[in-house]
Amino acid sequence: MNTPKLLPWYAHKAGVSIERAEILWRKAVREATAETGWVGNAEYWGAAMDHFIHLLESERSTLCTPQVVPFVRSQYRIWRLPLLAMEDMFAALQDAWQRPLRAPQKTA
């Protein structure tokens, strides 16, 4: 049985090898055949893809790969905090410096 053309993309997204994704695809096809009783119609392919995605998600949860992206984003925010504070301070200083110049002049 042919695998979906997007199988490498699904495998990469889940963090599994293509060979493992092919094994999971064959298992999903078997489960879809048992569930629907038909082969080749739209219901069958939908069930196969649903089972395949579910199997990939469960495979992904068993892997011990660290999720680095949230850590890097939090470090980026922490690194930017002093810069944001300095930007706010300069804006306040500029406003304080310009305030006396904008005040209306009283004429006697």
N, C-alpha and C. Protein backbone atom coordinates (compact mmCIF):
# COMPACT_ATOMS: atom_id res chain seq x y z
N MET A 1 0.84 -1.17 0.00
CA MET A 1 0.00 0.00 0.00
C MET A 1 0.88 1.23 0.00
N ASN A 2 0.51 2.21 -0.80
CA ASN A 2 1.27 3.45 -0.89
C ASN A 2 1.02 4.32 0.34
N THR A 3 2.05 5.02 0.71
CA THR A 3 1.93 5.94 1.84
C THR A 3 1.51 7.31 1.31
N PRO A 4 0.97 8.16 2.18
CA PRO A 4 0.61 9.51 1.73
C PRO A 4 1.86 10.30 1.34
N LYS A 5 1.69 11.22 0.41
CA LYS A 5 2.83 12.01 -0.04
C LYS A 5 3.33 12.95 1.06
N LEU A 6 2.46 13.29 1.99
CA LEU A 6 2.85 14.18 3.08
C LEU A 6 3.39 13.43 4.29
N LEU A 7 3.62 12.14 4.16
CA LEU A 7 4.11 11.35 5.28
C LEU A 7 5.44 11.88 5.83
N PRO A 8 6.42 12.27 5.00
CA PRO A 8 7.66 12.83 5.57
C PRO A 8 7.40 14.11 6.36
N TRP A 9 6.45 14.93 5.90
CA TRP A 9 6.13 16.16 6.62
C TRP A 9 5.52 15.84 7.98
N TYR A 10 4.55 14.91 8.00
CA TYR A 10 3.94 14.50 9.26
C TYR A 10 5.00 13.91 10.19
N ALA A 11 5.90 13.11 9.64
CA ALA A 11 6.95 12.49 10.46
C ALA A 11 7.87 13.55 11.06
N HIS A 12 8.27 14.50 10.24
CA HIS A 12 9.16 15.56 10.73
C HIS A 12 8.45 16.40 11.79
N LYS A 13 7.18 16.70 11.56
CA LYS A 13 6.41 17.51 12.51
C LYS A 13 6.27 16.80 13.86
N ALA A 14 6.11 15.48 13.81
CA ALA A 14 5.98 14.71 15.06
C ALA A 14 7.33 14.35 15.66
N GLY A 15 8.41 14.51 14.90
CA GLY A 15 9.74 14.20 15.42
C GLY A 15 10.08 12.72 15.38
N VAL A 16 9.47 11.99 14.46
CA VAL A 16 9.78 10.56 14.32
C VAL A 16 10.44 10.34 12.96
N SER A 17 11.10 9.21 12.82
CA SER A 17 11.74 8.91 11.55
C SER A 17 10.69 8.53 10.50
N ILE A 18 11.08 8.62 9.25
CA ILE A 18 10.15 8.28 8.17
C ILE A 18 9.83 6.79 8.21
N GLU A 19 10.81 5.97 8.55
CA GLU A 19 10.56 4.53 8.65
C GLU A 19 9.52 4.22 9.73
N ARG A 20 9.65 4.88 10.86
CA ARG A 20 8.67 4.68 11.95
C ARG A 20 7.30 5.20 11.53
N ALA A 21 7.26 6.31 10.81
CA ALA A 21 5.99 6.85 10.33
C ALA A 21 5.33 5.89 9.34
N GLU A 22 6.13 5.21 8.51
CA GLU A 22 5.56 4.23 7.58
C GLU A 22 4.95 3.05 8.34
N ILE A 23 5.61 2.63 9.41
CA ILE A 23 5.06 1.55 10.24
C ILE A 23 3.74 1.99 10.87
N LEU A 24 3.71 3.22 11.37
CA LEU A 24 2.49 3.73 11.97
C LEU A 24 1.39 3.89 10.92
N TRP A 25 1.74 4.25 9.69
CA TRP A 25 0.76 4.37 8.62
C TRP A 25 0.12 3.01 8.32
N ARG A 26 0.96 1.98 8.25
CA ARG A 26 0.41 0.65 7.98
C ARG A 26 -0.51 0.20 9.11
N LYS A 27 -0.15 0.53 10.35
CA LYS A 27 -1.02 0.20 11.48
C LYS A 27 -2.33 0.99 11.40
N ALA A 28 -2.27 2.24 11.01
CA ALA A 28 -3.48 3.07 10.86
C ALA A 28 -4.38 2.52 9.76
N VAL A 29 -3.78 2.03 8.68
CA VAL A 29 -4.57 1.45 7.59
C VAL A 29 -5.27 0.18 8.07
N ARG A 30 -4.57 -0.64 8.83
CA ARG A 30 -5.21 -1.86 9.38
C ARG A 30 -6.37 -1.51 10.30
N GLU A 31 -6.16 -0.50 11.15
CA GLU A 31 -7.23 -0.09 12.06
C GLU A 31 -8.42 0.50 11.31
N ALA A 32 -8.15 1.26 10.25
CA ALA A 32 -9.24 1.85 9.46
C ALA A 32 -10.01 0.76 8.71
N THR A 33 -9.30 -0.26 8.23
CA THR A 33 -9.98 -1.36 7.55
C THR A 33 -10.88 -2.11 8.52
N ALA A 34 -10.39 -2.34 9.72
CA ALA A 34 -11.20 -3.04 10.72
C ALA A 34 -12.39 -2.18 11.16
N GLU A 35 -12.19 -0.89 11.21
CA GLU A 35 -13.25 0.00 11.68
C GLU A 35 -14.35 0.19 10.64
N THR A 36 -13.96 0.45 9.39
CA THR A 36 -14.97 0.77 8.36
C THR A 36 -15.45 -0.46 7.61
N GLY A 37 -14.61 -1.46 7.46
CA GLY A 37 -15.00 -2.64 6.70
C GLY A 37 -14.87 -2.46 5.20
N TRP A 38 -14.54 -1.29 4.77
CA TRP A 38 -14.37 -0.99 3.35
C TRP A 38 -12.94 -0.54 3.10
N VAL A 39 -12.54 -0.61 1.86
CA VAL A 39 -11.21 -0.14 1.48
C VAL A 39 -11.37 0.77 0.28
N GLY A 40 -10.83 1.98 0.38
CA GLY A 40 -10.77 2.85 -0.78
C GLY A 40 -11.79 3.96 -0.84
N ASN A 41 -12.80 4.00 0.01
CA ASN A 41 -13.75 5.10 -0.08
C ASN A 41 -13.29 6.25 0.84
N ALA A 42 -14.01 7.35 0.80
CA ALA A 42 -13.62 8.55 1.55
C ALA A 42 -13.64 8.31 3.06
N GLU A 43 -14.62 7.56 3.53
CA GLU A 43 -14.70 7.27 4.96
C GLU A 43 -13.48 6.47 5.43
N TYR A 44 -13.05 5.54 4.59
CA TYR A 44 -11.89 4.71 4.91
C TYR A 44 -10.63 5.58 5.02
N TRP A 45 -10.40 6.45 4.01
CA TRP A 45 -9.19 7.28 4.03
C TRP A 45 -9.22 8.29 5.17
N GLY A 46 -10.41 8.81 5.48
CA GLY A 46 -10.52 9.73 6.62
C GLY A 46 -10.19 9.03 7.93
N ALA A 47 -10.72 7.80 8.07
CA ALA A 47 -10.43 7.04 9.29
C ALA A 47 -8.95 6.69 9.37
N ALA A 48 -8.35 6.36 8.23
CA ALA A 48 -6.91 6.03 8.21
C ALA A 48 -6.07 7.24 8.64
N MET A 49 -6.42 8.43 8.10
CA MET A 49 -5.66 9.62 8.48
C MET A 49 -5.88 9.97 9.95
N ASP A 50 -7.11 9.82 10.44
CA ASP A 50 -7.37 10.09 11.86
C ASP A 50 -6.56 9.16 12.75
N HIS A 51 -6.54 7.89 12.41
CA HIS A 51 -5.76 6.93 13.20
C HIS A 51 -4.26 7.24 13.10
N PHE A 52 -3.81 7.60 11.91
CA PHE A 52 -2.40 7.91 11.71
C PHE A 52 -1.97 9.11 12.54
N ILE A 53 -2.76 10.16 12.53
CA ILE A 53 -2.43 11.36 13.31
C ILE A 53 -2.46 11.04 14.80
N HIS A 54 -3.43 10.26 15.22
CA HIS A 54 -3.49 9.86 16.63
C HIS A 54 -2.26 9.02 17.02
N LEU A 55 -1.86 8.11 16.16
CA LEU A 55 -0.67 7.30 16.44
C LEU A 55 0.59 8.15 16.49
N LEU A 56 0.68 9.14 15.59
CA LEU A 56 1.85 10.03 15.61
C LEU A 56 1.88 10.85 16.90
N GLU A 57 0.73 11.33 17.34
CA GLU A 57 0.69 12.10 18.58
C GLU A 57 1.09 11.25 19.77
N SER A 58 0.61 10.01 19.81
CA SER A 58 0.99 9.15 20.93
C SER A 58 2.47 8.77 20.85
N GLU A 59 2.99 8.62 19.64
CA GLU A 59 4.43 8.34 19.48
C GLU A 59 5.26 9.54 19.92
N ARG A 60 4.77 10.73 19.59
CA ARG A 60 5.50 11.94 19.97
C ARG A 60 5.55 12.09 21.49
N SER A 61 4.45 11.71 22.16
CA SER A 61 4.43 11.86 23.61
C SER A 61 5.35 10.87 24.31
N THR A 62 5.71 9.77 23.63
CA THR A 62 6.61 8.80 24.24
C THR A 62 8.08 9.18 24.06
N LEU A 63 8.36 10.06 23.10
CA LEU A 63 9.74 10.49 22.87
C LEU A 63 10.18 11.44 23.97
N CYS A 64 11.43 11.41 24.28
CA CYS A 64 11.97 12.26 25.35
C CYS A 64 12.71 13.45 24.75
N THR A 65 12.11 14.08 23.78
CA THR A 65 12.75 15.24 23.17
C THR A 65 12.35 16.49 23.94
N PRO A 66 13.31 17.30 24.32
CA PRO A 66 12.96 18.52 25.06
C PRO A 66 12.34 19.55 24.13
N GLN A 67 11.41 20.29 24.67
CA GLN A 67 10.79 21.37 23.93
C GLN A 67 11.59 22.64 24.20
N VAL A 68 12.39 23.06 23.24
CA VAL A 68 13.32 24.16 23.43
C VAL A 68 12.68 25.51 23.12
N VAL A 69 11.72 25.53 22.25
CA VAL A 69 11.16 26.80 21.78
C VAL A 69 10.59 27.64 22.92
N PRO A 70 9.77 27.10 23.84
CA PRO A 70 9.28 27.95 24.92
C PRO A 70 10.41 28.52 25.79
N PHE A 71 11.44 27.73 26.01
CA PHE A 71 12.57 28.20 26.81
C PHE A 71 13.28 29.37 26.11
N VAL A 72 13.49 29.23 24.81
CA VAL A 72 14.18 30.29 24.07
C VAL A 72 13.33 31.55 24.03
N ARG A 73 12.03 31.40 23.87
CA ARG A 73 11.15 32.58 23.85
C ARG A 73 11.18 33.30 25.19
N SER A 74 11.16 32.55 26.28
CA SER A 74 11.19 33.20 27.59
C SER A 74 12.54 33.89 27.81
N GLN A 75 13.62 33.29 27.35
CA GLN A 75 14.93 33.92 27.48
C GLN A 75 15.00 35.19 26.65
N TYR A 76 14.38 35.17 25.49
CA TYR A 76 14.36 36.35 24.62
C TYR A 76 13.60 37.48 25.32
N ARG A 77 12.46 37.16 25.95
CA ARG A 77 11.69 38.18 26.66
C ARG A 77 12.48 38.73 27.85
N ILE A 78 13.16 37.84 28.58
CA ILE A 78 13.95 38.29 29.72
C ILE A 78 15.10 39.18 29.26
N TRP A 79 15.71 38.85 28.13
CA TRP A 79 16.81 39.64 27.60
C TRP A 79 16.32 41.01 27.17
N ARG A 80 15.07 41.11 26.68
CA ARG A 80 14.56 42.38 26.20
C ARG A 80 14.07 43.29 27.31
N LEU A 81 13.81 42.77 28.50
CA LEU A 81 13.26 43.60 29.58
C LEU A 81 14.10 44.85 29.88
N PRO A 82 15.42 44.76 30.05
CA PRO A 82 16.18 45.99 30.31
C PRO A 82 16.10 46.98 29.15
N LEU A 83 16.05 46.48 27.94
CA LEU A 83 15.95 47.39 26.80
C LEU A 83 14.60 48.09 26.76
N LEU A 84 13.56 47.37 27.07
CA LEU A 84 12.23 47.98 27.11
C LEU A 84 12.14 49.01 28.23
N ALA A 85 12.72 48.70 29.38
CA ALA A 85 12.71 49.64 30.48
C ALA A 85 13.50 50.90 30.13
N MET A 86 14.63 50.73 29.47
CA MET A 86 15.43 51.88 29.07
C MET A 86 14.68 52.72 28.03
N GLU A 87 13.99 52.07 27.12
CA GLU A 87 13.21 52.79 26.12
C GLU A 87 12.11 53.61 26.78
N ASP A 88 11.42 53.02 27.77
CA ASP A 88 10.38 53.75 28.49
C ASP A 88 10.97 54.92 29.27
N MET A 89 12.15 54.72 29.86
CA MET A 89 12.78 55.78 30.62
C MET A 89 13.17 56.94 29.70
N PHE A 90 13.73 56.66 28.53
CA PHE A 90 14.10 57.72 27.60
C PHE A 90 12.87 58.45 27.07
N ALA A 91 11.78 57.74 26.86
CA ALA A 91 10.56 58.40 26.41
C ALA A 91 10.04 59.34 27.50
N ALA A 92 10.09 58.91 28.77
CA ALA A 92 9.65 59.76 29.87
C ALA A 92 10.57 60.97 30.02
N LEU A 93 11.88 60.77 29.88
CA LEU A 93 12.82 61.90 29.97
C LEU A 93 12.60 62.89 28.84
N GLN A 94 12.36 62.39 27.64
CA GLN A 94 12.12 63.28 26.51
C GLN A 94 10.84 64.07 26.72
N ASP A 95 9.81 63.42 27.24
CA ASP A 95 8.55 64.11 27.52
C ASP A 95 8.76 65.17 28.60
N ALA A 96 9.52 64.84 29.66
CA ALA A 96 9.78 65.81 30.72
C ALA A 96 10.62 66.97 30.20
N TRP A 97 11.52 66.71 29.27
CA TRP A 97 12.38 67.76 28.72
C TRP A 97 11.58 68.69 27.81
N GLN A 98 10.64 68.12 27.06
CA GLN A 98 9.85 68.91 26.12
C GLN A 98 8.70 69.65 26.80
N ARG A 99 8.26 69.22 27.97
CA ARG A 99 7.10 69.81 28.63
C ARG A 99 7.32 71.29 28.94
N PRO A 100 8.44 71.72 29.51
CA PRO A 100 8.60 73.16 29.77
C PRO A 100 8.63 73.98 28.49
N LEU A 101 9.12 73.42 27.40
CA LEU A 101 9.19 74.17 26.15
C LEU A 101 7.81 74.32 25.52
N ARG A 102 6.89 73.41 25.80
CA ARG A 102 5.56 73.46 25.22
C ARG A 102 4.62 74.33 26.05
N ALA A 103 5.00 74.67 27.26
CA ALA A 103 4.11 75.45 28.13
C ALA A 103 3.89 76.83 27.51
N PRO A 104 2.65 77.31 27.57
CA PRO A 104 2.37 78.63 26.98
C PRO A 104 3.07 79.73 27.76
N GLN A 105 3.55 80.73 27.04
CA GLN A 105 4.25 81.87 27.64
C GLN A 105 3.20 82.89 28.08
N LYS A 106 3.33 83.35 29.32
CA LYS A 106 2.41 84.38 29.83
C LYS A 106 2.99 85.73 29.50
N THR A 107 2.17 86.55 28.95
CA THR A 107 2.63 87.91 28.66
C THR A 107 2.04 88.87 29.67
N ALA A 108 2.79 89.83 30.07
CA ALA A 108 2.31 90.78 31.08
C ALA A 108 1.80 92.04 30.47
